[in-house]
Amino acid sequence: MPTHHFSSTSMNRRHVFALLTFVLLTWFSGCDTGLTPLNEPSGFRGVIRFRNWPPPDSIREIRLVAFETYPTDSAGILPTLLEGRASVFPRLETKLQLFVDTLHYEFTTESGLNLQLRNYDYIILAMQYGPNVLSDWRPAGVYSTAPGTFTPAPLRVLLHRITPDIDIDVDFHNLPPKPWR
């Protein structure tokens, strides 16, 4: 009666193959997006709702700004932007539409300036109200999860995810306070 001898190398290969197969099957079965490209954008989207627009000559432009931390000094805003601790939407060569009731947006790593995978504590719709592009800005609306307040809600930008429902209400008769001096 012949006896079969398995070498330890043959057994190790089988174990490695079985383990690799198990890991791959587990990984692909847990993937909720299928085989999507690995370069999907990250960011958030929502709707900005406007009420009580002021006269056309009182607003020059509006932009979404996501600050990593709550700004307390206007002199620190430009360095914050330049250091990548805040992000602006849309990119500087594009402008958001003015004098509409609602504005749908998608602020992503591809459409914004400096949007990173991190926490943002203060997301606002900023409006430029005067001719000085460096200083004539103020918040017009704040992303908040507490309706009727200006309490900022934090948001984490996740890898390859677009977080929905980051909505902002703007009432030009009831603007949020400036957090900076």
N, C-alpha and C. Protein backbone atom coordinates (compact mmCIF):
# COMPACT_ATOMS: atom_id res chain seq x y z
N MET A 1 0.84 -1.15 0.00
CA MET A 1 0.00 0.00 0.00
C MET A 1 0.91 1.24 0.00
N PRO A 2 0.74 2.14 -1.02
CA PRO A 2 1.62 3.31 -1.09
C PRO A 2 1.22 4.34 -0.04
N THR A 3 2.20 4.97 0.47
CA THR A 3 1.95 6.05 1.43
C THR A 3 2.28 7.37 0.76
N HIS A 4 1.46 8.37 1.03
CA HIS A 4 1.68 9.70 0.47
C HIS A 4 2.30 10.58 1.54
N HIS A 5 3.32 11.24 1.14
CA HIS A 5 4.00 12.16 2.05
C HIS A 5 3.84 13.58 1.51
N PHE A 6 3.34 14.44 2.33
CA PHE A 6 3.20 15.85 1.95
C PHE A 6 4.37 16.61 2.57
N SER A 7 5.00 17.38 1.75
CA SER A 7 6.10 18.17 2.28
C SER A 7 5.54 19.38 3.03
N SER A 8 6.34 19.91 3.90
CA SER A 8 5.88 21.08 4.66
C SER A 8 5.74 22.28 3.73
N THR A 9 6.51 22.35 2.64
CA THR A 9 6.39 23.45 1.68
C THR A 9 5.04 23.39 0.99
N SER A 10 4.60 22.21 0.62
CA SER A 10 3.31 22.04 -0.03
C SER A 10 2.17 22.45 0.91
N MET A 11 2.29 22.08 2.19
CA MET A 11 1.27 22.45 3.18
C MET A 11 1.24 23.95 3.40
N ASN A 12 2.41 24.57 3.48
CA ASN A 12 2.47 26.02 3.68
C ASN A 12 1.83 26.75 2.51
N ARG A 13 2.07 26.30 1.30
CA ARG A 13 1.46 26.94 0.14
C ARG A 13 -0.05 26.84 0.19
N ARG A 14 -0.55 25.69 0.58
CA ARG A 14 -2.01 25.52 0.67
C ARG A 14 -2.60 26.44 1.74
N HIS A 15 -1.93 26.56 2.86
CA HIS A 15 -2.41 27.44 3.93
C HIS A 15 -2.40 28.90 3.47
N VAL A 16 -1.33 29.30 2.82
CA VAL A 16 -1.23 30.67 2.33
C VAL A 16 -2.32 30.94 1.29
N PHE A 17 -2.53 29.99 0.36
CA PHE A 17 -3.56 30.15 -0.66
C PHE A 17 -4.95 30.24 -0.02
N ALA A 18 -5.23 29.37 0.95
CA ALA A 18 -6.53 29.39 1.62
C ALA A 18 -6.73 30.71 2.39
N LEU A 19 -5.69 31.16 3.07
CA LEU A 19 -5.79 32.41 3.81
C LEU A 19 -5.99 33.59 2.87
N LEU A 20 -5.25 33.63 1.79
CA LEU A 20 -5.38 34.70 0.82
C LEU A 20 -6.78 34.70 0.19
N THR A 21 -7.28 33.55 -0.15
CA THR A 21 -8.64 33.43 -0.70
C THR A 21 -9.67 33.93 0.31
N PHE A 22 -9.54 33.54 1.56
CA PHE A 22 -10.46 33.98 2.61
C PHE A 22 -10.43 35.51 2.76
N VAL A 23 -9.23 36.08 2.80
CA VAL A 23 -9.10 37.54 2.96
C VAL A 23 -9.73 38.26 1.78
N LEU A 24 -9.46 37.82 0.56
CA LEU A 24 -10.02 38.47 -0.62
C LEU A 24 -11.54 38.36 -0.66
N LEU A 25 -12.08 37.19 -0.35
CA LEU A 25 -13.53 37.02 -0.34
C LEU A 25 -14.19 37.89 0.74
N THR A 26 -13.56 37.95 1.89
CA THR A 26 -14.10 38.78 2.97
C THR A 26 -14.05 40.25 2.58
N TRP A 27 -12.95 40.68 2.00
CA TRP A 27 -12.80 42.09 1.63
C TRP A 27 -13.80 42.49 0.56
N PHE A 28 -13.96 41.69 -0.50
CA PHE A 28 -14.88 42.05 -1.57
C PHE A 28 -16.33 41.92 -1.15
N SER A 29 -16.65 40.99 -0.27
CA SER A 29 -18.05 40.85 0.16
C SER A 29 -18.45 42.01 1.07
N GLY A 30 -17.49 42.66 1.74
CA GLY A 30 -17.79 43.78 2.62
C GLY A 30 -17.75 45.13 1.92
N CYS A 31 -17.44 45.14 0.66
CA CYS A 31 -17.32 46.39 -0.08
C CYS A 31 -18.71 46.83 -0.54
N ASP A 32 -19.17 48.00 -0.09
CA ASP A 32 -20.53 48.42 -0.41
C ASP A 32 -20.62 49.21 -1.71
N THR A 33 -19.50 49.55 -2.33
CA THR A 33 -19.55 50.31 -3.57
C THR A 33 -19.10 49.50 -4.77
N GLY A 34 -18.86 48.22 -4.58
CA GLY A 34 -18.42 47.41 -5.71
C GLY A 34 -17.00 47.78 -6.09
N LEU A 35 -16.74 47.66 -7.35
CA LEU A 35 -15.39 47.95 -7.83
C LEU A 35 -15.34 49.34 -8.44
N THR A 36 -15.67 50.34 -7.65
CA THR A 36 -15.63 51.72 -8.13
C THR A 36 -14.18 52.20 -8.16
N PRO A 37 -13.91 53.19 -8.97
CA PRO A 37 -12.54 53.71 -9.04
C PRO A 37 -12.08 54.25 -7.68
N LEU A 38 -10.79 54.15 -7.44
CA LEU A 38 -10.24 54.59 -6.17
C LEU A 38 -10.06 56.11 -6.10
N ASN A 39 -10.37 56.82 -7.18
CA ASN A 39 -10.18 58.26 -7.17
C ASN A 39 -11.51 59.01 -7.12
N GLU A 40 -12.53 58.41 -6.54
CA GLU A 40 -13.81 59.08 -6.36
C GLU A 40 -13.60 60.32 -5.49
N PRO A 41 -14.31 61.41 -5.77
CA PRO A 41 -14.12 62.61 -4.96
C PRO A 41 -14.68 62.44 -3.54
N SER A 42 -14.21 63.31 -2.68
CA SER A 42 -14.69 63.38 -1.30
C SER A 42 -15.30 64.76 -1.11
N GLY A 43 -16.25 64.89 -0.19
CA GLY A 43 -16.82 66.20 0.07
C GLY A 43 -18.22 66.14 0.64
N PHE A 44 -19.00 67.17 0.31
CA PHE A 44 -20.38 67.24 0.80
C PHE A 44 -21.23 68.03 -0.19
N ARG A 45 -22.54 67.86 -0.04
CA ARG A 45 -23.47 68.58 -0.92
C ARG A 45 -24.70 68.96 -0.13
N GLY A 46 -25.44 69.90 -0.69
CA GLY A 46 -26.65 70.32 -0.03
C GLY A 46 -27.38 71.38 -0.82
N VAL A 47 -28.27 72.06 -0.13
CA VAL A 47 -29.08 73.12 -0.72
C VAL A 47 -28.93 74.35 0.15
N ILE A 48 -28.75 75.49 -0.50
CA ILE A 48 -28.74 76.77 0.19
C ILE A 48 -30.06 77.44 -0.15
N ARG A 49 -30.82 77.79 0.88
CA ARG A 49 -32.12 78.45 0.68
C ARG A 49 -32.00 79.91 1.09
N PHE A 50 -32.46 80.81 0.20
CA PHE A 50 -32.33 82.24 0.42
C PHE A 50 -33.69 82.89 0.67
N ARG A 51 -33.71 83.89 1.56
CA ARG A 51 -34.88 84.73 1.79
C ARG A 51 -34.43 86.17 1.93
N ASN A 52 -35.28 87.08 1.50
CA ASN A 52 -35.08 88.51 1.72
C ASN A 52 -33.77 89.05 1.14
N TRP A 53 -33.54 88.76 -0.13
CA TRP A 53 -32.33 89.27 -0.78
C TRP A 53 -32.28 90.80 -0.66
N PRO A 54 -31.09 91.35 -0.40
CA PRO A 54 -30.95 92.81 -0.35
C PRO A 54 -30.86 93.37 -1.78
N PRO A 55 -30.76 94.67 -1.93
CA PRO A 55 -30.60 95.26 -3.26
C PRO A 55 -29.37 94.70 -3.97
N PRO A 56 -29.42 94.56 -5.29
CA PRO A 56 -28.31 93.96 -6.05
C PRO A 56 -26.95 94.61 -5.84
N ASP A 57 -26.90 95.90 -5.58
CA ASP A 57 -25.60 96.55 -5.42
C ASP A 57 -24.97 96.33 -4.05
N SER A 58 -25.64 95.59 -3.16
CA SER A 58 -25.10 95.38 -1.81
C SER A 58 -24.37 94.04 -1.65
N ILE A 59 -24.41 93.20 -2.67
CA ILE A 59 -23.70 91.92 -2.61
C ILE A 59 -22.90 91.77 -3.90
N ARG A 60 -21.60 91.53 -3.75
CA ARG A 60 -20.73 91.37 -4.92
C ARG A 60 -20.58 89.90 -5.30
N GLU A 61 -20.46 89.03 -4.31
CA GLU A 61 -20.41 87.59 -4.57
C GLU A 61 -20.61 86.82 -3.28
N ILE A 62 -20.87 85.52 -3.44
CA ILE A 62 -21.04 84.61 -2.30
C ILE A 62 -20.20 83.37 -2.55
N ARG A 63 -19.71 82.80 -1.47
CA ARG A 63 -18.91 81.57 -1.55
C ARG A 63 -19.11 80.74 -0.29
N LEU A 64 -19.05 79.44 -0.46
CA LEU A 64 -19.04 78.54 0.70
C LEU A 64 -17.61 78.48 1.22
N VAL A 65 -17.47 78.53 2.53
CA VAL A 65 -16.14 78.41 3.14
C VAL A 65 -16.25 77.41 4.29
N ALA A 66 -15.35 76.43 4.28
CA ALA A 66 -15.28 75.44 5.35
C ALA A 66 -14.00 75.70 6.14
N PHE A 67 -14.17 76.08 7.41
CA PHE A 67 -13.03 76.37 8.28
C PHE A 67 -12.77 75.16 9.17
N GLU A 68 -11.50 74.83 9.30
CA GLU A 68 -11.11 73.74 10.19
C GLU A 68 -11.43 74.09 11.65
N THR A 69 -11.20 75.33 12.02
CA THR A 69 -11.53 75.80 13.36
C THR A 69 -12.33 77.09 13.25
N TYR A 70 -13.02 77.41 14.30
CA TYR A 70 -13.86 78.60 14.35
C TYR A 70 -12.97 79.85 14.33
N PRO A 71 -13.09 80.72 13.32
CA PRO A 71 -12.22 81.89 13.26
C PRO A 71 -12.64 82.95 14.28
N THR A 72 -11.66 83.55 14.95
CA THR A 72 -11.99 84.57 15.95
C THR A 72 -11.37 85.92 15.64
N ASP A 73 -10.54 85.98 14.62
CA ASP A 73 -9.86 87.22 14.28
C ASP A 73 -9.81 87.37 12.77
N SER A 74 -10.31 88.46 12.23
CA SER A 74 -10.35 88.63 10.77
C SER A 74 -8.95 88.65 10.17
N ALA A 75 -7.95 89.07 10.93
CA ALA A 75 -6.57 89.09 10.42
C ALA A 75 -6.04 87.68 10.18
N GLY A 76 -6.63 86.69 10.83
CA GLY A 76 -6.16 85.31 10.67
C GLY A 76 -6.84 84.55 9.55
N ILE A 77 -7.84 85.14 8.91
CA ILE A 77 -8.59 84.40 7.89
C ILE A 77 -7.74 84.14 6.65
N LEU A 78 -7.06 85.14 6.13
CA LEU A 78 -6.22 84.94 4.94
C LEU A 78 -5.12 83.92 5.19
N PRO A 79 -4.35 84.02 6.30
CA PRO A 79 -3.36 82.97 6.57
C PRO A 79 -4.01 81.58 6.70
N THR A 80 -5.20 81.52 7.29
CA THR A 80 -5.90 80.24 7.42
C THR A 80 -6.17 79.64 6.04
N LEU A 81 -6.61 80.48 5.11
CA LEU A 81 -6.86 80.02 3.74
C LEU A 81 -5.57 79.59 3.06
N LEU A 82 -4.53 80.39 3.19
CA LEU A 82 -3.26 80.09 2.53
C LEU A 82 -2.59 78.84 3.10
N GLU A 83 -2.80 78.57 4.37
CA GLU A 83 -2.20 77.39 5.01
C GLU A 83 -3.02 76.13 4.79
N GLY A 84 -4.15 76.24 4.09
CA GLY A 84 -4.97 75.06 3.81
C GLY A 84 -5.84 74.62 4.97
N ARG A 85 -6.05 75.48 5.96
CA ARG A 85 -6.90 75.13 7.10
C ARG A 85 -8.34 75.58 6.89
N ALA A 86 -8.61 76.07 5.68
CA ALA A 86 -9.97 76.42 5.27
C ALA A 86 -10.05 76.16 3.77
N SER A 87 -11.25 75.93 3.30
CA SER A 87 -11.44 75.65 1.89
C SER A 87 -12.57 76.51 1.35
N VAL A 88 -12.46 76.88 0.08
CA VAL A 88 -13.43 77.78 -0.55
C VAL A 88 -14.09 77.07 -1.73
N PHE A 89 -15.40 77.29 -1.88
CA PHE A 89 -16.16 76.75 -3.01
C PHE A 89 -17.00 77.87 -3.61
N PRO A 90 -17.09 77.97 -4.90
CA PRO A 90 -16.34 77.19 -5.89
C PRO A 90 -14.94 77.76 -6.05
N ARG A 91 -14.17 77.14 -6.93
CA ARG A 91 -12.83 77.64 -7.22
C ARG A 91 -12.92 79.10 -7.64
N LEU A 92 -11.85 79.81 -7.52
CA LEU A 92 -11.86 81.26 -7.70
C LEU A 92 -12.30 81.72 -9.09
N GLU A 93 -12.12 80.90 -10.11
CA GLU A 93 -12.50 81.31 -11.46
C GLU A 93 -14.01 81.16 -11.73
N THR A 94 -14.74 80.63 -10.78
CA THR A 94 -16.18 80.41 -10.91
C THR A 94 -16.90 81.16 -9.80
N LYS A 95 -18.15 81.52 -10.04
CA LYS A 95 -18.94 82.20 -9.00
C LYS A 95 -20.28 81.49 -8.81
N LEU A 96 -20.81 81.60 -7.60
CA LEU A 96 -22.14 81.08 -7.32
C LEU A 96 -23.18 82.08 -7.80
N GLN A 97 -24.32 81.55 -8.19
CA GLN A 97 -25.39 82.40 -8.72
C GLN A 97 -26.05 83.21 -7.60
N LEU A 98 -26.29 84.45 -7.87
CA LEU A 98 -26.94 85.35 -6.92
C LEU A 98 -28.43 85.49 -7.25
N PHE A 99 -29.20 85.92 -6.27
CA PHE A 99 -30.62 86.29 -6.41
C PHE A 99 -31.49 85.14 -6.91
N VAL A 100 -31.29 83.97 -6.30
CA VAL A 100 -32.12 82.79 -6.56
C VAL A 100 -32.75 82.38 -5.23
N ASP A 101 -33.80 81.59 -5.28
CA ASP A 101 -34.44 81.10 -4.05
C ASP A 101 -33.67 79.93 -3.43
N THR A 102 -33.19 79.04 -4.28
CA THR A 102 -32.42 77.89 -3.81
C THR A 102 -31.22 77.68 -4.73
N LEU A 103 -30.20 77.11 -4.14
CA LEU A 103 -28.97 76.83 -4.87
C LEU A 103 -28.47 75.46 -4.43
N HIS A 104 -28.45 74.52 -5.35
CA HIS A 104 -27.92 73.18 -5.07
C HIS A 104 -26.42 73.22 -5.33
N TYR A 105 -25.65 72.62 -4.45
CA TYR A 105 -24.20 72.64 -4.61
C TYR A 105 -23.60 71.28 -4.27
N GLU A 106 -22.39 71.05 -4.75
CA GLU A 106 -21.59 69.88 -4.38
C GLU A 106 -20.15 70.35 -4.23
N PHE A 107 -19.68 70.41 -3.00
CA PHE A 107 -18.37 70.92 -2.62
C PHE A 107 -17.47 69.70 -2.46
N THR A 108 -16.58 69.46 -3.41
CA THR A 108 -15.75 68.26 -3.39
C THR A 108 -14.28 68.61 -3.47
N THR A 109 -13.47 67.58 -3.32
CA THR A 109 -12.03 67.74 -3.45
C THR A 109 -11.67 68.16 -4.87
N GLU A 110 -12.58 67.96 -5.82
CA GLU A 110 -12.33 68.36 -7.21
C GLU A 110 -12.87 69.75 -7.51
N SER A 111 -13.93 70.18 -6.84
CA SER A 111 -14.58 71.45 -7.18
C SER A 111 -14.22 72.60 -6.25
N GLY A 112 -13.65 72.29 -5.11
CA GLY A 112 -13.30 73.33 -4.15
C GLY A 112 -11.82 73.61 -4.15
N LEU A 113 -11.45 74.61 -3.42
CA LEU A 113 -10.05 75.00 -3.29
C LEU A 113 -9.57 74.54 -1.92
N ASN A 114 -8.65 73.58 -1.87
CA ASN A 114 -8.03 73.07 -0.65
C ASN A 114 -8.91 72.18 0.22
N LEU A 115 -10.02 71.65 -0.26
CA LEU A 115 -10.83 70.76 0.58
C LEU A 115 -10.02 69.51 0.88
N GLN A 116 -9.91 69.17 2.15
CA GLN A 116 -9.10 68.05 2.62
C GLN A 116 -9.97 67.04 3.38
N LEU A 117 -9.42 65.87 3.60
CA LEU A 117 -10.09 64.85 4.42
C LEU A 117 -9.80 65.17 5.87
N ARG A 118 -10.73 65.87 6.51
CA ARG A 118 -10.55 66.28 7.90
C ARG A 118 -11.86 66.81 8.45
N ASN A 119 -11.83 67.22 9.70
CA ASN A 119 -12.99 67.85 10.34
C ASN A 119 -13.02 69.34 10.01
N TYR A 120 -14.21 69.83 9.75
CA TYR A 120 -14.43 71.26 9.57
C TYR A 120 -15.46 71.68 10.61
N ASP A 121 -15.08 72.62 11.48
CA ASP A 121 -15.95 73.03 12.59
C ASP A 121 -16.91 74.16 12.23
N TYR A 122 -16.63 74.88 11.15
CA TYR A 122 -17.43 76.07 10.83
C TYR A 122 -17.57 76.16 9.32
N ILE A 123 -18.78 75.88 8.83
CA ILE A 123 -19.07 75.94 7.40
C ILE A 123 -20.09 77.05 7.19
N ILE A 124 -19.71 78.02 6.35
CA ILE A 124 -20.57 79.18 6.16
C ILE A 124 -20.75 79.50 4.68
N LEU A 125 -21.80 80.23 4.42
CA LEU A 125 -21.92 80.91 3.14
C LEU A 125 -21.46 82.33 3.44
N ALA A 126 -20.36 82.74 2.82
CA ALA A 126 -19.82 84.08 3.05
C ALA A 126 -20.24 84.98 1.89
N MET A 127 -20.48 86.25 2.22
CA MET A 127 -20.85 87.20 1.18
C MET A 127 -19.88 88.37 1.20
N GLN A 128 -19.51 88.80 0.00
CA GLN A 128 -18.68 89.99 -0.13
C GLN A 128 -19.62 91.17 -0.32
N TYR A 129 -19.58 92.10 0.60
CA TYR A 129 -20.52 93.21 0.59
C TYR A 129 -19.90 94.53 0.12
N GLY A 130 -18.58 94.59 -0.02
CA GLY A 130 -17.91 95.83 -0.43
C GLY A 130 -16.82 95.55 -1.44
N PRO A 131 -16.10 96.57 -1.87
CA PRO A 131 -15.12 96.42 -2.93
C PRO A 131 -13.81 95.75 -2.51
N ASN A 132 -13.49 95.71 -1.20
CA ASN A 132 -12.22 95.13 -0.77
C ASN A 132 -12.34 93.61 -0.67
N VAL A 133 -11.75 92.92 -1.64
CA VAL A 133 -11.87 91.47 -1.72
C VAL A 133 -11.19 90.76 -0.55
N LEU A 134 -10.30 91.44 0.15
CA LEU A 134 -9.62 90.81 1.28
C LEU A 134 -10.32 91.03 2.62
N SER A 135 -11.15 92.07 2.73
CA SER A 135 -11.72 92.34 4.06
C SER A 135 -13.24 92.50 4.09
N ASP A 136 -13.89 92.74 2.98
CA ASP A 136 -15.33 93.04 2.99
C ASP A 136 -16.18 91.78 2.87
N TRP A 137 -16.01 90.87 3.82
CA TRP A 137 -16.75 89.61 3.84
C TRP A 137 -17.42 89.44 5.19
N ARG A 138 -18.55 88.77 5.19
CA ARG A 138 -19.23 88.41 6.43
C ARG A 138 -20.05 87.14 6.18
N PRO A 139 -20.37 86.39 7.25
CA PRO A 139 -21.22 85.22 7.06
C PRO A 139 -22.64 85.63 6.70
N ALA A 140 -23.21 84.91 5.76
CA ALA A 140 -24.62 85.11 5.41
C ALA A 140 -25.47 83.95 5.92
N GLY A 141 -24.84 82.80 6.09
CA GLY A 141 -25.52 81.61 6.60
C GLY A 141 -24.50 80.65 7.19
N VAL A 142 -24.95 79.82 8.12
CA VAL A 142 -24.08 78.87 8.82
C VAL A 142 -24.70 77.48 8.73
N TYR A 143 -23.87 76.47 8.44
CA TYR A 143 -24.37 75.09 8.51
C TYR A 143 -24.57 74.76 9.98
N SER A 144 -25.81 74.41 10.32
CA SER A 144 -26.18 74.10 11.69
C SER A 144 -27.17 72.95 11.69
N THR A 145 -27.08 72.10 12.69
CA THR A 145 -28.07 71.03 12.83
C THR A 145 -29.15 71.41 13.84
N ALA A 146 -29.03 72.60 14.41
CA ALA A 146 -30.04 73.13 15.33
C ALA A 146 -30.83 74.20 14.58
N PRO A 147 -32.01 73.85 14.06
CA PRO A 147 -32.77 74.80 13.25
C PRO A 147 -33.04 76.12 13.98
N GLY A 148 -32.95 77.20 13.22
CA GLY A 148 -33.24 78.52 13.77
C GLY A 148 -32.11 79.12 14.58
N THR A 149 -30.95 78.48 14.60
CA THR A 149 -29.82 79.01 15.36
C THR A 149 -28.63 79.21 14.42
N PHE A 150 -27.62 79.85 14.94
CA PHE A 150 -26.37 80.00 14.20
C PHE A 150 -25.27 79.17 14.84
N THR A 151 -25.67 78.14 15.59
CA THR A 151 -24.70 77.26 16.22
C THR A 151 -24.08 76.36 15.15
N PRO A 152 -22.78 76.51 14.89
CA PRO A 152 -22.17 75.72 13.82
C PRO A 152 -22.14 74.23 14.15
N ALA A 153 -22.34 73.42 13.12
CA ALA A 153 -22.26 71.97 13.27
C ALA A 153 -20.99 71.50 12.57
N PRO A 154 -20.22 70.65 13.22
CA PRO A 154 -19.00 70.15 12.58
C PRO A 154 -19.34 69.13 11.49
N LEU A 155 -18.41 68.96 10.60
CA LEU A 155 -18.56 68.00 9.51
C LEU A 155 -17.21 67.37 9.23
N ARG A 156 -17.19 66.07 9.06
CA ARG A 156 -15.95 65.36 8.69
C ARG A 156 -16.05 64.97 7.23
N VAL A 157 -15.06 65.39 6.43
CA VAL A 157 -14.98 64.99 5.03
C VAL A 157 -14.28 63.64 5.00
N LEU A 158 -14.98 62.64 4.45
CA LEU A 158 -14.49 61.27 4.44
C LEU A 158 -13.98 60.88 3.05
N LEU A 159 -13.04 59.96 3.02
CA LEU A 159 -12.44 59.49 1.79
C LEU A 159 -13.48 58.85 0.88
N HIS A 160 -13.56 59.32 -0.35
CA HIS A 160 -14.44 58.78 -1.40
C HIS A 160 -15.91 58.81 -1.02
N ARG A 161 -16.32 59.76 -0.21
CA ARG A 161 -17.72 59.90 0.19
C ARG A 161 -18.17 61.35 -0.02
N ILE A 162 -19.38 61.51 -0.52
CA ILE A 162 -20.01 62.82 -0.62
C ILE A 162 -21.13 62.82 0.42
N THR A 163 -20.97 63.57 1.50
CA THR A 163 -21.97 63.63 2.57
C THR A 163 -23.13 64.50 2.09
N PRO A 164 -24.36 63.95 2.09
CA PRO A 164 -25.51 64.74 1.63
C PRO A 164 -26.12 65.59 2.75
N ASP A 165 -27.04 66.45 2.34
CA ASP A 165 -27.89 67.23 3.26
C ASP A 165 -27.12 68.21 4.15
N ILE A 166 -26.07 68.79 3.63
CA ILE A 166 -25.38 69.86 4.35
C ILE A 166 -26.01 71.16 3.85
N ASP A 167 -27.20 71.43 4.38
CA ASP A 167 -28.03 72.54 3.93
C ASP A 167 -27.79 73.79 4.77
N ILE A 168 -27.94 74.94 4.13
CA ILE A 168 -27.74 76.23 4.82
C ILE A 168 -28.91 77.13 4.47
N ASP A 169 -29.51 77.72 5.49
CA ASP A 169 -30.58 78.71 5.30
C ASP A 169 -30.01 80.10 5.47
N VAL A 170 -30.34 80.97 4.53
CA VAL A 170 -29.86 82.35 4.56
C VAL A 170 -31.06 83.28 4.57
N ASP A 171 -31.14 84.12 5.60
CA ASP A 171 -32.15 85.16 5.68
C ASP A 171 -31.39 86.48 5.81
N PHE A 172 -31.40 87.28 4.74
CA PHE A 172 -30.63 88.51 4.74
C PHE A 172 -31.15 89.55 5.73
N HIS A 173 -32.35 89.32 6.29
CA HIS A 173 -32.85 90.18 7.36
C HIS A 173 -32.42 89.69 8.73
N ASN A 174 -31.81 88.51 8.80
CA ASN A 174 -31.35 87.93 10.06
C ASN A 174 -30.03 87.20 9.82
N LEU A 175 -28.97 87.96 9.66
CA LEU A 175 -27.66 87.39 9.36
C LEU A 175 -26.97 86.90 10.63
N PRO A 176 -26.15 85.85 10.51
CA PRO A 176 -25.41 85.37 11.68
C PRO A 176 -24.38 86.41 12.11
N PRO A 177 -23.99 86.36 13.38
CA PRO A 177 -22.95 87.30 13.83
C PRO A 177 -21.60 86.92 13.23
N LYS A 178 -20.74 87.92 13.08
CA LYS A 178 -19.37 87.65 12.66
C LYS A 178 -18.64 87.04 13.84
N PRO A 179 -17.96 85.91 13.64
CA PRO A 179 -17.22 85.32 14.76
C PRO A 179 -15.89 86.01 14.99
N TRP A 180 -15.47 86.81 14.05
CA TRP A 180 -14.20 87.50 14.16
C TRP A 180 -14.40 88.98 14.43
N ARG A 181 -13.35 89.62 14.95
CA ARG A 181 -13.38 91.05 15.22
C ARG A 181 -13.14 91.83 13.96
